[in-house]
N, C-alpha and C. Protein backbone atom coordinates (compact mmCIF):
# COMPACT_ATOMS: atom_id res chain seq x y z
N MET A 1 9.13 16.38 -84.16
CA MET A 1 10.00 16.43 -83.08
C MET A 1 11.38 15.77 -83.46
N THR A 2 12.31 16.35 -83.17
CA THR A 2 13.63 15.85 -83.55
C THR A 2 14.11 14.71 -82.49
N ALA A 3 15.07 14.12 -82.84
CA ALA A 3 15.64 12.96 -81.77
C ALA A 3 16.14 13.55 -80.37
N LEU A 4 16.66 14.61 -80.71
CA LEU A 4 17.30 15.25 -79.32
C LEU A 4 16.37 15.64 -78.37
N PRO A 5 15.31 16.26 -78.71
CA PRO A 5 14.34 16.63 -77.46
C PRO A 5 13.63 15.23 -77.03
N VAL A 6 13.41 14.39 -77.97
CA VAL A 6 12.77 13.22 -77.61
C VAL A 6 13.75 12.57 -76.50
N MET A 7 15.10 12.27 -76.77
CA MET A 7 15.93 11.76 -76.03
C MET A 7 16.00 12.64 -74.71
N ARG A 8 16.10 13.83 -74.67
CA ARG A 8 16.07 14.70 -73.53
C ARG A 8 14.83 14.37 -72.64
N CYS A 9 13.84 14.41 -73.15
CA CYS A 9 12.51 14.05 -72.51
C CYS A 9 12.50 12.70 -71.82
N VAL A 10 13.02 11.80 -72.60
CA VAL A 10 13.19 10.33 -71.88
C VAL A 10 14.34 10.45 -70.77
N ALA A 11 15.22 11.10 -71.08
CA ALA A 11 16.42 11.27 -69.89
C ALA A 11 15.65 11.84 -68.75
N ILE A 12 15.09 12.91 -68.72
CA ILE A 12 14.35 13.61 -67.69
C ILE A 12 13.34 12.71 -67.03
N THR A 13 12.60 12.17 -67.73
CA THR A 13 11.81 10.92 -67.23
C THR A 13 12.41 9.89 -66.30
N LEU A 14 13.50 9.41 -66.93
CA LEU A 14 14.11 8.41 -66.27
C LEU A 14 14.77 8.81 -64.83
N ILE A 15 15.44 10.21 -65.00
CA ILE A 15 15.81 10.76 -63.70
C ILE A 15 14.84 10.91 -62.77
N ALA A 16 13.71 11.34 -63.24
CA ALA A 16 12.50 11.46 -62.31
C ALA A 16 12.07 10.32 -61.52
N ILE A 17 12.01 9.30 -62.46
CA ILE A 17 11.69 7.87 -61.76
C ILE A 17 12.74 7.34 -60.90
N TRP A 18 14.00 7.67 -61.29
CA TRP A 18 15.16 7.31 -60.31
C TRP A 18 15.09 7.99 -59.00
N MET A 19 14.84 9.20 -59.03
CA MET A 19 14.78 10.03 -57.95
C MET A 19 13.62 9.61 -56.93
N GLN A 20 12.56 9.24 -57.55
CA GLN A 20 11.34 8.94 -56.91
C GLN A 20 11.59 7.70 -56.25
N ALA A 21 12.19 6.74 -56.93
CA ALA A 21 12.55 5.49 -56.07
C ALA A 21 13.52 5.63 -54.71
N ALA A 22 14.45 6.58 -55.16
CA ALA A 22 15.54 6.78 -54.11
C ALA A 22 14.67 7.50 -53.06
N ILE A 23 13.73 8.20 -53.16
CA ILE A 23 13.28 8.99 -51.94
C ILE A 23 12.42 7.95 -51.26
N ALA A 24 11.61 7.24 -52.14
CA ALA A 24 10.88 6.07 -51.56
C ALA A 24 11.52 5.24 -50.72
N HIS A 25 12.76 4.93 -51.07
CA HIS A 25 13.48 3.87 -50.46
C HIS A 25 13.96 4.52 -49.09
N THR A 26 14.33 5.79 -49.08
CA THR A 26 14.88 6.44 -47.83
C THR A 26 13.68 6.67 -46.97
N ASP A 27 12.36 6.93 -47.45
CA ASP A 27 11.14 6.92 -46.63
C ASP A 27 11.08 5.71 -45.92
N ILE A 28 11.22 4.48 -46.71
CA ILE A 28 10.85 3.13 -46.12
C ILE A 28 11.89 2.99 -45.07
N GLN A 29 13.19 3.29 -45.22
CA GLN A 29 14.21 3.05 -44.26
C GLN A 29 13.80 3.83 -43.00
N ALA A 30 13.50 5.15 -42.90
CA ALA A 30 13.26 6.06 -42.08
C ALA A 30 11.83 5.40 -41.29
N GLN A 31 10.89 4.85 -42.11
CA GLN A 31 9.59 4.35 -41.33
C GLN A 31 10.13 3.19 -40.57
N LEU A 32 10.91 2.24 -41.28
CA LEU A 32 11.46 1.14 -40.50
C LEU A 32 12.15 1.43 -39.18
N SER A 33 12.94 2.42 -39.34
CA SER A 33 13.70 2.90 -37.92
C SER A 33 12.70 3.36 -36.86
N ARG A 34 11.67 4.06 -37.47
CA ARG A 34 10.69 4.79 -36.36
C ARG A 34 9.75 3.40 -35.88
N VAL A 35 9.40 2.48 -36.64
CA VAL A 35 8.46 1.49 -36.32
C VAL A 35 9.28 0.63 -35.43
N THR A 36 10.54 0.27 -35.59
CA THR A 36 11.32 -0.60 -34.81
C THR A 36 11.45 0.25 -33.32
N GLN A 37 11.67 1.37 -33.37
CA GLN A 37 11.55 2.18 -32.09
C GLN A 37 10.40 2.03 -31.43
N GLU A 38 9.24 2.10 -32.02
CA GLU A 38 8.02 2.06 -31.39
C GLU A 38 7.65 0.55 -30.89
N ILE A 39 8.23 -0.41 -31.70
CA ILE A 39 8.15 -1.81 -31.09
C ILE A 39 8.89 -2.03 -29.90
N ASN A 40 10.06 -1.28 -29.84
CA ASN A 40 10.82 -1.45 -28.60
C ASN A 40 10.07 -0.75 -27.38
N ASP A 41 9.38 0.20 -27.77
CA ASP A 41 8.61 0.82 -26.65
C ASP A 41 7.34 0.17 -26.38
N GLN A 42 6.75 -0.50 -27.29
CA GLN A 42 5.40 -1.26 -27.17
C GLN A 42 5.66 -2.66 -27.72
N PRO A 43 6.23 -3.66 -27.20
CA PRO A 43 6.59 -4.84 -27.57
C PRO A 43 5.26 -5.77 -27.87
N GLY A 44 4.19 -5.38 -27.32
CA GLY A 44 3.12 -6.25 -27.43
C GLY A 44 2.14 -5.61 -28.54
N ASN A 45 2.59 -4.69 -29.16
CA ASN A 45 1.63 -3.85 -30.24
C ASN A 45 1.74 -4.82 -31.68
N VAL A 46 0.72 -5.50 -31.84
CA VAL A 46 0.64 -6.32 -33.00
C VAL A 46 0.62 -5.42 -34.45
N ALA A 47 -0.18 -4.39 -34.23
CA ALA A 47 -0.15 -3.70 -35.36
C ALA A 47 1.32 -3.12 -35.96
N LEU A 48 2.01 -2.85 -34.98
CA LEU A 48 3.58 -2.54 -35.39
C LEU A 48 4.19 -3.66 -36.09
N TYR A 49 4.03 -4.79 -35.58
CA TYR A 49 4.79 -5.83 -36.27
C TYR A 49 4.12 -6.02 -37.73
N LEU A 50 2.88 -5.99 -37.89
CA LEU A 50 2.39 -6.11 -39.26
C LEU A 50 2.78 -4.99 -40.13
N THR A 51 3.06 -3.77 -39.56
CA THR A 51 3.45 -2.61 -40.38
C THR A 51 4.95 -2.92 -40.78
N ARG A 52 5.80 -3.26 -39.65
CA ARG A 52 7.12 -3.23 -40.00
C ARG A 52 7.48 -4.52 -40.90
N GLY A 53 6.46 -5.69 -40.84
CA GLY A 53 6.55 -6.73 -41.79
C GLY A 53 6.38 -6.27 -43.19
N GLU A 54 5.32 -5.54 -43.46
CA GLU A 54 5.16 -4.99 -44.78
C GLU A 54 6.27 -4.09 -45.10
N LEU A 55 6.75 -3.37 -44.44
CA LEU A 55 7.88 -2.57 -44.83
C LEU A 55 8.97 -3.14 -45.22
N LYS A 56 9.38 -4.32 -44.43
CA LYS A 56 10.43 -5.12 -44.96
C LYS A 56 9.95 -5.90 -46.10
N ARG A 57 8.95 -6.38 -46.47
CA ARG A 57 8.50 -6.83 -47.48
C ARG A 57 8.84 -5.97 -48.85
N HIS A 58 8.44 -4.58 -48.72
CA HIS A 58 8.86 -3.66 -49.56
C HIS A 58 10.10 -3.48 -50.03
N THR A 59 11.16 -3.81 -48.85
CA THR A 59 12.61 -3.69 -49.22
C THR A 59 13.18 -5.32 -49.42
N GLN A 60 12.35 -6.40 -49.61
CA GLN A 60 12.66 -7.55 -50.13
C GLN A 60 13.48 -8.13 -49.02
N ASP A 61 13.23 -7.93 -47.76
CA ASP A 61 13.73 -8.51 -46.46
C ASP A 61 12.79 -9.78 -46.22
N TRP A 62 12.64 -10.68 -47.02
CA TRP A 62 11.79 -11.70 -46.88
C TRP A 62 11.83 -12.37 -45.40
N GLN A 63 12.87 -12.71 -44.96
CA GLN A 63 13.05 -13.30 -43.60
C GLN A 63 12.64 -12.39 -42.53
N GLY A 64 12.98 -11.10 -42.64
CA GLY A 64 12.54 -10.23 -41.50
C GLY A 64 11.12 -9.89 -41.67
N ALA A 65 10.53 -9.92 -42.81
CA ALA A 65 9.11 -9.80 -42.92
C ALA A 65 8.37 -10.98 -42.24
N GLU A 66 8.83 -12.04 -42.38
CA GLU A 66 8.22 -13.26 -42.05
C GLU A 66 8.35 -13.44 -40.59
N ALA A 67 9.65 -13.01 -40.02
CA ALA A 67 9.65 -12.95 -38.52
C ALA A 67 8.74 -12.14 -37.88
N ASP A 68 8.38 -10.89 -38.55
CA ASP A 68 7.35 -9.97 -38.02
C ASP A 68 6.04 -10.54 -38.09
N PHE A 69 5.84 -11.12 -39.17
CA PHE A 69 4.41 -11.77 -39.38
C PHE A 69 4.22 -12.94 -38.34
N ALA A 70 5.31 -13.68 -37.99
CA ALA A 70 5.26 -14.71 -36.97
C ALA A 70 5.05 -14.26 -35.63
N MET A 71 5.62 -13.06 -35.15
CA MET A 71 5.35 -12.43 -33.98
C MET A 71 3.96 -12.01 -33.98
N ALA A 72 3.44 -11.33 -35.09
CA ALA A 72 2.13 -10.78 -35.14
C ALA A 72 1.16 -11.88 -34.78
N GLN A 73 1.36 -13.18 -35.44
CA GLN A 73 0.62 -14.45 -35.24
C GLN A 73 0.67 -14.83 -33.74
N GLU A 74 1.75 -14.76 -33.13
CA GLU A 74 1.80 -15.32 -31.81
C GLU A 74 1.01 -14.29 -30.95
N LEU A 75 1.06 -12.90 -31.16
CA LEU A 75 0.51 -12.07 -30.32
C LEU A 75 -0.82 -11.56 -30.65
N GLY A 76 -1.24 -11.88 -31.91
CA GLY A 76 -2.41 -11.29 -32.45
C GLY A 76 -3.84 -12.19 -32.16
N SER A 77 -4.95 -11.40 -32.20
CA SER A 77 -6.30 -12.14 -32.07
C SER A 77 -6.49 -13.09 -33.24
N ALA A 78 -7.63 -13.76 -33.18
CA ALA A 78 -7.95 -14.80 -34.31
C ALA A 78 -8.23 -13.95 -35.56
N GLU A 79 -8.68 -12.47 -35.55
CA GLU A 79 -8.73 -11.91 -36.78
C GLU A 79 -7.57 -11.34 -37.40
N VAL A 80 -6.45 -11.20 -36.52
CA VAL A 80 -5.21 -10.91 -37.06
C VAL A 80 -4.60 -12.15 -37.71
N ARG A 81 -4.81 -13.31 -37.14
CA ARG A 81 -4.19 -14.46 -37.43
C ARG A 81 -4.75 -14.80 -38.89
N ASP A 82 -6.14 -14.60 -38.91
CA ASP A 82 -6.84 -14.69 -40.33
C ASP A 82 -6.24 -13.83 -41.39
N GLN A 83 -5.92 -12.68 -41.20
CA GLN A 83 -5.49 -11.68 -41.95
C GLN A 83 -3.97 -12.01 -42.51
N LEU A 84 -3.43 -12.73 -41.69
CA LEU A 84 -1.72 -13.27 -41.92
C LEU A 84 -1.67 -14.06 -43.18
N GLY A 85 -2.79 -14.64 -43.63
CA GLY A 85 -3.02 -15.55 -44.84
C GLY A 85 -2.57 -14.72 -46.15
N LEU A 86 -3.38 -13.38 -46.03
CA LEU A 86 -3.11 -12.59 -47.16
C LEU A 86 -1.68 -11.88 -47.00
N TYR A 87 -1.30 -11.48 -45.87
CA TYR A 87 0.14 -10.90 -45.93
C TYR A 87 1.14 -11.99 -46.17
N ARG A 88 1.04 -13.07 -45.72
CA ARG A 88 2.14 -13.96 -45.83
C ARG A 88 2.06 -14.59 -47.58
N GLY A 89 0.82 -14.59 -48.10
CA GLY A 89 0.51 -14.96 -49.47
C GLY A 89 1.42 -14.06 -50.28
N ARG A 90 1.03 -12.72 -50.18
CA ARG A 90 1.64 -11.68 -50.90
C ARG A 90 3.23 -11.77 -50.64
N LEU A 91 3.69 -11.96 -49.49
CA LEU A 91 5.19 -12.03 -49.37
C LEU A 91 5.77 -13.13 -49.92
N PHE A 92 5.25 -14.38 -49.86
CA PHE A 92 5.79 -15.47 -50.54
C PHE A 92 5.60 -15.40 -51.98
N GLU A 93 4.59 -14.94 -52.57
CA GLU A 93 4.48 -14.62 -54.21
C GLU A 93 5.59 -13.71 -54.48
N GLU A 94 5.66 -12.59 -53.78
CA GLU A 94 6.97 -11.66 -54.25
C GLU A 94 8.28 -12.31 -54.17
N ALA A 95 8.57 -13.03 -53.15
CA ALA A 95 9.77 -13.72 -52.96
C ALA A 95 9.99 -15.03 -53.86
N GLY A 96 9.27 -15.31 -54.58
CA GLY A 96 9.28 -16.27 -55.67
C GLY A 96 9.05 -17.67 -55.01
N MET A 97 8.24 -17.57 -53.94
CA MET A 97 7.93 -18.98 -53.29
C MET A 97 6.41 -19.34 -53.55
N ALA A 98 6.24 -19.80 -54.85
CA ALA A 98 4.79 -19.84 -55.24
C ALA A 98 3.94 -20.86 -54.47
N ARG A 99 4.64 -22.06 -54.32
CA ARG A 99 3.89 -23.04 -53.57
C ARG A 99 3.37 -22.64 -52.22
N ARG A 100 4.28 -21.86 -51.38
CA ARG A 100 3.99 -21.37 -50.11
C ARG A 100 2.84 -20.37 -50.22
N ALA A 101 3.08 -19.51 -51.18
CA ALA A 101 1.97 -18.45 -51.42
C ALA A 101 0.54 -19.06 -51.70
N VAL A 102 0.63 -20.03 -52.66
CA VAL A 102 -0.66 -20.65 -52.96
C VAL A 102 -1.29 -21.26 -51.53
N GLU A 103 -0.46 -21.74 -50.92
CA GLU A 103 -0.99 -22.48 -49.51
C GLU A 103 -1.74 -21.43 -48.75
N GLN A 104 -0.86 -20.38 -48.51
CA GLN A 104 -1.42 -19.26 -47.54
C GLN A 104 -2.81 -18.61 -48.25
N LEU A 105 -2.73 -18.42 -49.44
CA LEU A 105 -3.75 -17.80 -50.19
C LEU A 105 -5.08 -18.72 -50.15
N ASP A 106 -4.82 -19.97 -50.27
CA ASP A 106 -5.91 -20.76 -50.50
C ASP A 106 -6.74 -20.93 -49.15
N GLY A 107 -5.92 -20.75 -48.13
CA GLY A 107 -6.75 -20.70 -46.64
C GLY A 107 -7.42 -19.56 -46.41
N TYR A 108 -6.90 -18.25 -46.88
CA TYR A 108 -7.29 -17.18 -46.87
C TYR A 108 -8.64 -17.10 -47.74
N ILE A 109 -8.55 -17.44 -48.90
CA ILE A 109 -9.75 -17.39 -49.83
C ILE A 109 -10.74 -18.13 -49.44
N SER A 110 -10.63 -19.35 -48.81
CA SER A 110 -11.67 -20.19 -48.25
C SER A 110 -12.53 -19.66 -47.40
N ARG A 111 -12.05 -18.69 -46.67
CA ARG A 111 -12.66 -17.62 -45.64
C ARG A 111 -13.18 -16.58 -46.34
N HIS A 112 -12.52 -15.81 -47.37
CA HIS A 112 -12.90 -14.53 -47.92
C HIS A 112 -12.92 -14.92 -49.50
N PRO A 113 -13.85 -15.62 -50.06
CA PRO A 113 -13.87 -16.19 -51.39
C PRO A 113 -13.94 -14.86 -52.47
N GLU A 114 -14.35 -13.70 -52.03
CA GLU A 114 -14.55 -12.64 -53.01
C GLU A 114 -13.37 -11.53 -52.67
N HIS A 115 -12.38 -11.88 -52.09
CA HIS A 115 -11.29 -10.69 -51.74
C HIS A 115 -10.38 -10.68 -53.07
N ILE A 116 -10.62 -9.63 -53.87
CA ILE A 116 -10.08 -9.41 -55.07
C ILE A 116 -8.51 -9.63 -55.33
N ASP A 117 -7.94 -8.73 -54.23
CA ASP A 117 -6.32 -8.75 -54.17
C ASP A 117 -5.85 -10.24 -53.79
N ALA A 118 -6.63 -10.92 -52.85
CA ALA A 118 -6.08 -12.32 -52.50
C ALA A 118 -6.31 -13.11 -53.97
N LEU A 119 -7.20 -13.08 -54.58
CA LEU A 119 -7.54 -13.92 -55.73
C LEU A 119 -6.49 -13.49 -56.89
N ARG A 120 -6.26 -12.15 -56.92
CA ARG A 120 -5.22 -11.67 -58.00
C ARG A 120 -3.62 -12.21 -57.68
N ILE A 121 -3.26 -12.12 -56.36
CA ILE A 121 -2.04 -12.78 -55.87
C ILE A 121 -1.88 -14.07 -56.23
N ARG A 122 -3.06 -14.83 -55.90
CA ARG A 122 -2.87 -16.35 -55.96
C ARG A 122 -2.79 -16.66 -57.52
N ALA A 123 -3.57 -16.02 -58.49
CA ALA A 123 -3.48 -16.26 -59.75
C ALA A 123 -2.07 -15.97 -60.38
N VAL A 124 -1.28 -14.90 -59.88
CA VAL A 124 0.00 -14.52 -60.29
C VAL A 124 0.89 -15.84 -59.72
N ALA A 125 0.59 -16.03 -58.54
CA ALA A 125 1.61 -17.13 -57.85
C ALA A 125 1.35 -18.56 -58.70
């Protein structure tokens, strides 16, 4: 195989990856708009705040995600508040706040010692 076909293949792959990222970003923005409207219609729906917090985390809106998680904690049941240790641990790890991530994940892991994702995130943090 010559260099030209290899370079063309690499270029096509990079364009496909870029397009996929652009589409995913657009989908997340559309999802954020939809969930925000649903929150306006159902302000007490904890699942919507968790969903929007996760979408904001994906867009690296760290403060917005934490605000939604705080609202979920305020409105949620004990089970929801328990799960927020995992949500916040992932958020803080991705935001580069390792100490806060470890604090959240330590609490969560103490109650769920075999949760693989929590253990992995904590190891990364």
